[in-house]
Amino acid sequence: MDTKLPYLEHKYVTLYVEYHYSDVANEAYPMNYKVTGSMIMERKRNINIPDEDQSYIW
């Protein structure tokens, strides 16, 4: 819950990703890349609004 606005609920989602890809813009010299990391998304929800699909603040 939010400390200053007690009617707001905070929800957090963490995504962990790892992928490999090749940049073939120059076919003679392809560049291989590896990406690893995490990403966090926060959603705020007003608990005073009864319809859950309408209560999220974008």
PDB file of N, CA and C in Angstrom:
ATOM      1  N   MET A   1       0.846  -1.180   0.000  1.00  0.00           N
ATOM      2  CA  MET A   1       0.000   0.000   0.000  1.00  0.00           C
ATOM      3  C   MET A   1       0.894   1.247   0.000  1.00  0.00           C
ATOM      4  N   ASP A   2       0.367   2.325  -0.548  1.00  0.00           N
ATOM      5  CA  ASP A   2       1.099   3.582  -0.619  1.00  0.00           C
ATOM      6  C   ASP A   2       1.046   4.281   0.734  1.00  0.00           C
ATOM      7  N   THR A   3       2.157   4.892   1.161  1.00  0.00           N
ATOM      8  CA  THR A   3       2.192   5.545   2.480  1.00  0.00           C
ATOM      9  C   THR A   3       1.463   6.882   2.467  1.00  0.00           C
ATOM     10  N   LYS A   4       1.505   7.610   1.364  1.00  0.00           N
ATOM     11  CA  LYS A   4       0.853   8.926   1.310  1.00  0.00           C
ATOM     12  C   LYS A   4      -0.584   8.846   0.801  1.00  0.00           C
ATOM     13  N   LEU A   5      -0.864   7.899  -0.071  1.00  0.00           N
ATOM     14  CA  LEU A   5      -2.212   7.708  -0.606  1.00  0.00           C
ATOM     15  C   LEU A   5      -2.664   6.294  -0.243  1.00  0.00           C
ATOM     16  N   PRO A   6      -3.320   6.123   0.908  1.00  0.00           N
ATOM     17  CA  PRO A   6      -3.617   4.776   1.415  1.00  0.00           C
ATOM     18  C   PRO A   6      -4.584   3.963   0.553  1.00  0.00           C
ATOM     19  N   TYR A   7      -5.248   4.582  -0.411  1.00  0.00           N
ATOM     20  CA  TYR A   7      -6.162   3.846  -1.279  1.00  0.00           C
ATOM     21  C   TYR A   7      -5.459   3.254  -2.502  1.00  0.00           C
ATOM     22  N   LEU A   8      -4.143   3.477  -2.639  1.00  0.00           N
ATOM     23  CA  LEU A   8      -3.392   2.918  -3.761  1.00  0.00           C
ATOM     24  C   LEU A   8      -2.631   1.675  -3.336  1.00  0.00           C
ATOM     25  N   GLU A   9      -2.772   0.645  -4.114  1.00  0.00           N
ATOM     26  CA  GLU A   9      -2.060  -0.611  -3.885  1.00  0.00           C
ATOM     27  C   GLU A   9      -0.997  -0.756  -4.977  1.00  0.00           C
ATOM     28  N   HIS A  10       0.218  -1.083  -4.601  1.00  0.00           N
ATOM     29  CA  HIS A  10       1.309  -1.270  -5.557  1.00  0.00           C
ATOM     30  C   HIS A  10       1.499  -2.760  -5.816  1.00  0.00           C
ATOM     31  N   LYS A  11       1.617  -3.122  -7.108  1.00  0.00           N
ATOM     32  CA  LYS A  11       1.921  -4.503  -7.483  1.00  0.00           C
ATOM     33  C   LYS A  11       3.159  -4.465  -8.365  1.00  0.00           C
ATOM     34  N   TYR A  12       4.079  -5.402  -8.127  1.00  0.00           N
ATOM     35  CA  TYR A  12       5.328  -5.456  -8.879  1.00  0.00           C
ATOM     36  C   TYR A  12       5.459  -6.809  -9.562  1.00  0.00           C
ATOM     37  N   VAL A  13       5.914  -6.788 -10.811  1.00  0.00           N
ATOM     38  CA  VAL A  13       6.182  -8.000 -11.571  1.00  0.00           C
ATOM     39  C   VAL A  13       7.626  -7.922 -12.044  1.00  0.00           C
ATOM     40  N   THR A  14       8.414  -8.972 -11.807  1.00  0.00           N
ATOM     41  CA  THR A  14       9.810  -9.010 -12.234  1.00  0.00           C
ATOM     42  C   THR A  14       9.978 -10.066 -13.313  1.00  0.00           C
ATOM     43  N   LEU A  15      10.580  -9.670 -14.422  1.00  0.00           N
ATOM     44  CA  LEU A  15      10.866 -10.591 -15.520  1.00  0.00           C
ATOM     45  C   LEU A  15      12.376 -10.773 -15.616  1.00  0.00           C
ATOM     46  N   TYR A  16      12.805 -12.009 -15.684  1.00  0.00           N
ATOM     47  CA  TYR A  16      14.212 -12.328 -15.895  1.00  0.00           C
ATOM     48  C   TYR A  16      14.355 -12.850 -17.323  1.00  0.00           C
ATOM     49  N   VAL A  17      15.234 -12.236 -18.095  1.00  0.00           N
ATOM     50  CA  VAL A  17      15.369 -12.607 -19.506  1.00  0.00           C
ATOM     51  C   VAL A  17      16.820 -12.943 -19.833  1.00  0.00           C
ATOM     52  N   GLU A  18      16.973 -13.844 -20.793  1.00  0.00           N
ATOM     53  CA  GLU A  18      18.279 -14.168 -21.348  1.00  0.00           C
ATOM     54  C   GLU A  18      18.045 -14.636 -22.776  1.00  0.00           C
ATOM     55  N   TYR A  19      18.692 -13.986 -23.724  1.00  0.00           N
ATOM     56  CA  TYR A  19      18.541 -14.416 -25.109  1.00  0.00           C
ATOM     57  C   TYR A  19      19.795 -14.118 -25.904  1.00  0.00           C
ATOM     58  N   HIS A  20      19.926 -14.790 -27.043  1.00  0.00           N
ATOM     59  CA  HIS A  20      21.058 -14.656 -27.944  1.00  0.00           C
ATOM     60  C   HIS A  20      20.521 -14.263 -29.312  1.00  0.00           C
ATOM     61  N   TYR A  21      21.254 -13.405 -30.018  1.00  0.00           N
ATOM     62  CA  TYR A  21      20.865 -13.087 -31.388  1.00  0.00           C
ATOM     63  C   TYR A  21      22.092 -12.682 -32.189  1.00  0.00           C
ATOM     64  N   SER A  22      21.938 -12.745 -33.507  1.00  0.00           N
ATOM     65  CA  SER A  22      23.024 -12.379 -34.426  1.00  0.00           C
ATOM     66  C   SER A  22      22.580 -11.200 -35.275  1.00  0.00           C
ATOM     67  N   ASP A  23      23.421 -10.185 -35.339  1.00  0.00           N
ATOM     68  CA  ASP A  23      23.178  -9.035 -36.201  1.00  0.00           C
ATOM     69  C   ASP A  23      23.840  -9.337 -37.542  1.00  0.00           C
ATOM     70  N   VAL A  24      23.028  -9.530 -38.563  1.00  0.00           N
ATOM     71  CA  VAL A  24      23.554  -9.889 -39.881  1.00  0.00           C
ATOM     72  C   VAL A  24      23.398  -8.730 -40.866  1.00  0.00           C
ATOM     73  N   ALA A  25      23.514  -7.501 -40.378  1.00  0.00           N
ATOM     74  CA  ALA A  25      23.433  -6.348 -41.271  1.00  0.00           C
ATOM     75  C   ALA A  25      24.538  -6.423 -42.320  1.00  0.00           C
ATOM     76  N   ASN A  26      25.720  -6.891 -41.920  1.00  0.00           N
ATOM     77  CA  ASN A  26      26.817  -7.143 -42.855  1.00  0.00           C
ATOM     78  C   ASN A  26      27.029  -8.652 -42.847  1.00  0.00           C
ATOM     79  N   GLU A  27      26.571  -9.326 -43.883  1.00  0.00           N
ATOM     80  CA  GLU A  27      26.606 -10.792 -43.899  1.00  0.00           C
ATOM     81  C   GLU A  27      28.020 -11.355 -43.847  1.00  0.00           C
ATOM     82  N   ALA A  28      28.993 -10.569 -44.249  1.00  0.00           N
ATOM     83  CA  ALA A  28      30.378 -11.045 -44.205  1.00  0.00           C
ATOM     84  C   ALA A  28      30.911 -11.084 -42.768  1.00  0.00           C
ATOM     85  N   TYR A  29      30.374 -10.229 -41.892  1.00  0.00           N
ATOM     86  CA  TYR A  29      30.840 -10.144 -40.504  1.00  0.00           C
ATOM     87  C   TYR A  29      29.643 -10.125 -39.548  1.00  0.00           C
ATOM     88  N   PRO A  30      29.007 -11.260 -39.319  1.00  0.00           N
ATOM     89  CA  PRO A  30      27.876 -11.266 -38.378  1.00  0.00           C
ATOM     90  C   PRO A  30      28.363 -11.017 -36.948  1.00  0.00           C
ATOM     91  N   MET A  31      27.592 -10.259 -36.206  1.00  0.00           N
ATOM     92  CA  MET A  31      27.914  -9.955 -34.808  1.00  0.00           C
ATOM     93  C   MET A  31      26.957 -10.734 -33.913  1.00  0.00           C
ATOM     94  N   ASN A  32      27.505 -11.534 -33.009  1.00  0.00           N
ATOM     95  CA  ASN A  32      26.696 -12.317 -32.077  1.00  0.00           C
ATOM     96  C   ASN A  32      26.589 -11.577 -30.751  1.00  0.00           C
ATOM     97  N   TYR A  33      25.384 -11.517 -30.219  1.00  0.00           N
ATOM     98  CA  TYR A  33      25.129 -10.821 -28.961  1.00  0.00           C
ATOM     99  C   TYR A  33      24.431 -11.750 -27.981  1.00  0.00           C
ATOM    100  N   LYS A  34      24.681 -11.512 -26.700  1.00  0.00           N
ATOM    101  CA  LYS A  34      23.989 -12.219 -25.621  1.00  0.00           C
ATOM    102  C   LYS A  34      23.472 -11.153 -24.659  1.00  0.00           C
ATOM    103  N   VAL A  35      22.201 -11.245 -24.314  1.00  0.00           N
ATOM    104  CA  VAL A  35      21.588 -10.280 -23.405  1.00  0.00           C
ATOM    105  C   VAL A  35      21.065 -11.038 -22.195  1.00  0.00           C
ATOM    106  N   THR A  36      21.397 -10.556 -21.011  1.00  0.00           N
ATOM    107  CA  THR A  36      20.930 -11.146 -19.764  1.00  0.00           C
ATOM    108  C   THR A  36      20.558 -10.011 -18.822  1.00  0.00           C
ATOM    109  N   GLY A  37      19.430 -10.144 -18.146  1.00  0.00           N
ATOM    110  CA  GLY A  37      19.059  -9.102 -17.196  1.00  0.00           C
ATOM    111  C   GLY A  37      17.653  -9.292 -16.663  1.00  0.00           C
ATOM    112  N   SER A  38      17.206  -8.297 -15.942  1.00  0.00           N
ATOM    113  CA  SER A  38      15.868  -8.341 -15.361  1.00  0.00           C
ATOM    114  C   SER A  38      15.167  -7.007 -15.615  1.00  0.00           C
ATOM    115  N   MET A  39      13.854  -7.055 -15.518  1.00  0.00           N
ATOM    116  CA  MET A  39      13.035  -5.884 -15.748  1.00  0.00           C
ATOM    117  C   MET A  39      11.906  -5.919 -14.718  1.00  0.00           C
ATOM    118  N   ILE A  40      11.622  -4.779 -14.099  1.00  0.00           N
ATOM    119  CA  ILE A  40      10.569  -4.700 -13.083  1.00  0.00           C
ATOM    120  C   ILE A  40       9.477  -3.766 -13.595  1.00  0.00           C
ATOM    121  N   MET A  41       8.223  -4.206 -13.465  1.00  0.00           N
ATOM    122  CA  MET A  41       7.080  -3.380 -13.838  1.00  0.00           C
ATOM    123  C   MET A  41       6.239  -3.131 -12.597  1.00  0.00           C
ATOM    124  N   GLU A  42       5.824  -1.883 -12.409  1.00  0.00           N
ATOM    125  CA  GLU A  42       4.973  -1.532 -11.273  1.00  0.00           C
ATOM    126  C   GLU A  42       3.601  -1.154 -11.791  1.00  0.00           C
ATOM    127  N   ARG A  43       2.557  -1.649 -11.129  1.00  0.00           N
ATOM    128  CA  ARG A  43       1.181  -1.263 -11.433  1.00  0.00           C
ATOM    129  C   ARG A  43       0.581  -0.700 -10.158  1.00  0.00           C
ATOM    130  N   LYS A  44      -0.133   0.404 -10.284  1.00  0.00           N
ATOM    131  CA  LYS A  44      -0.833   0.994  -9.147  1.00  0.00           C
ATOM    132  C   LYS A  44      -2.323   0.764  -9.339  1.00  0.00           C
ATOM    133  N   ARG A  45      -2.993   0.369  -8.260  1.00  0.00           N
ATOM    134  CA  ARG A  45      -4.420   0.069  -8.314  1.00  0.00           C
ATOM    135  C   ARG A  45      -5.141   0.860  -7.241  1.00  0.00           C
ATOM    136  N   ASN A  46      -6.192   1.559  -7.653  1.00  0.00           N
ATOM    137  CA  ASN A  46      -7.036   2.298  -6.722  1.00  0.00           C
ATOM    138  C   ASN A  46      -8.066   1.322  -6.167  1.00  0.00           C
ATOM    139  N   ILE A  47      -7.960   0.986  -4.876  1.00  0.00           N
ATOM    140  CA  ILE A  47      -8.845  -0.024  -4.284  1.00  0.00           C
ATOM    141  C   ILE A  47     -10.254   0.511  -4.046  1.00  0.00           C
ATOM    142  N   ASN A  48     -10.482   1.818  -4.208  1.00  0.00           N
ATOM    143  CA  ASN A  48     -11.816   2.385  -4.032  1.00  0.00           C
ATOM    144  C   ASN A  48     -12.710   2.172  -5.253  1.00  0.00           C
ATOM    145  N   ILE A  49     -12.143   1.777  -6.376  1.00  0.00           N
ATOM    146  CA  ILE A  49     -12.917   1.533  -7.593  1.00  0.00           C
ATOM    147  C   ILE A  49     -13.288   0.048  -7.620  1.00  0.00           C
ATOM    148  N   PRO A  50     -14.584  -0.272  -7.651  1.00  0.00           N
ATOM    149  CA  PRO A  50     -14.981  -1.689  -7.544  1.00  0.00           C
ATOM    150  C   PRO A  50     -14.624  -2.549  -8.761  1.00  0.00           C
ATOM    151  N   ASP A  51     -14.651  -1.988  -9.961  1.00  0.00           N
ATOM    152  CA  ASP A  51     -14.313  -2.771 -11.154  1.00  0.00           C
ATOM    153  C   ASP A  51     -12.798  -2.877 -11.273  1.00  0.00           C
ATOM    154  N   GLU A  52     -12.282  -4.102 -11.139  1.00  0.00           N
ATOM    155  CA  GLU A  52     -10.834  -4.282 -11.127  1.00  0.00           C
ATOM    156  C   GLU A  52     -10.185  -3.839 -12.436  1.00  0.00           C
ATOM    157  N   ASP A  53     -10.843  -4.069 -13.569  1.00  0.00           N
ATOM    158  CA  ASP A  53     -10.242  -3.675 -14.843  1.00  0.00           C
ATOM    159  C   ASP A  53     -10.197  -2.160 -15.022  1.00  0.00           C
ATOM    160  N   GLN A  54     -10.986  -1.413 -14.271  1.00  0.00           N
ATOM    161  CA  GLN A  54     -10.981   0.040 -14.344  1.00  0.00           C
ATOM    162  C   GLN A  54     -10.124   0.680 -13.248  1.00  0.00           C
ATOM    163  N   SER A  55      -9.687  -0.097 -12.281  1.00  0.00           N
ATOM    164  CA  SER A  55      -9.018   0.461 -11.106  1.00  0.00           C
ATOM    165  C   SER A  55      -7.511   0.659 -11.265  1.00  0.00           C
ATOM    166  N   TYR A  56      -6.926   0.130 -12.353  1.00  0.00           N
ATOM    167  CA  TYR A  56      -5.482   0.274 -12.536  1.00  0.00           C
ATOM    168  C   TYR A  56      -5.148   1.634 -13.133  1.00  0.00           C
ATOM    169  N   ILE A  57      -4.125   2.261 -12.591  1.00  0.00           N
ATOM    170  CA  ILE A  57      -3.678   3.580 -13.044  1.00  0.00           C
ATOM    171  C   ILE A  57      -2.535   3.375 -13.994  1.00  0.00           C
ATOM    172  N   TRP A  58      -2.649   3.918 -15.194  1.00  0.00           N
ATOM    173  CA  TRP A  58      -1.614   3.763 -16.229  1.00  0.00           C
ATOM    174  C   TRP A  58      -0.638   4.872 -16.147  1.00  0.00           C
TER     175      TRP A  58
END
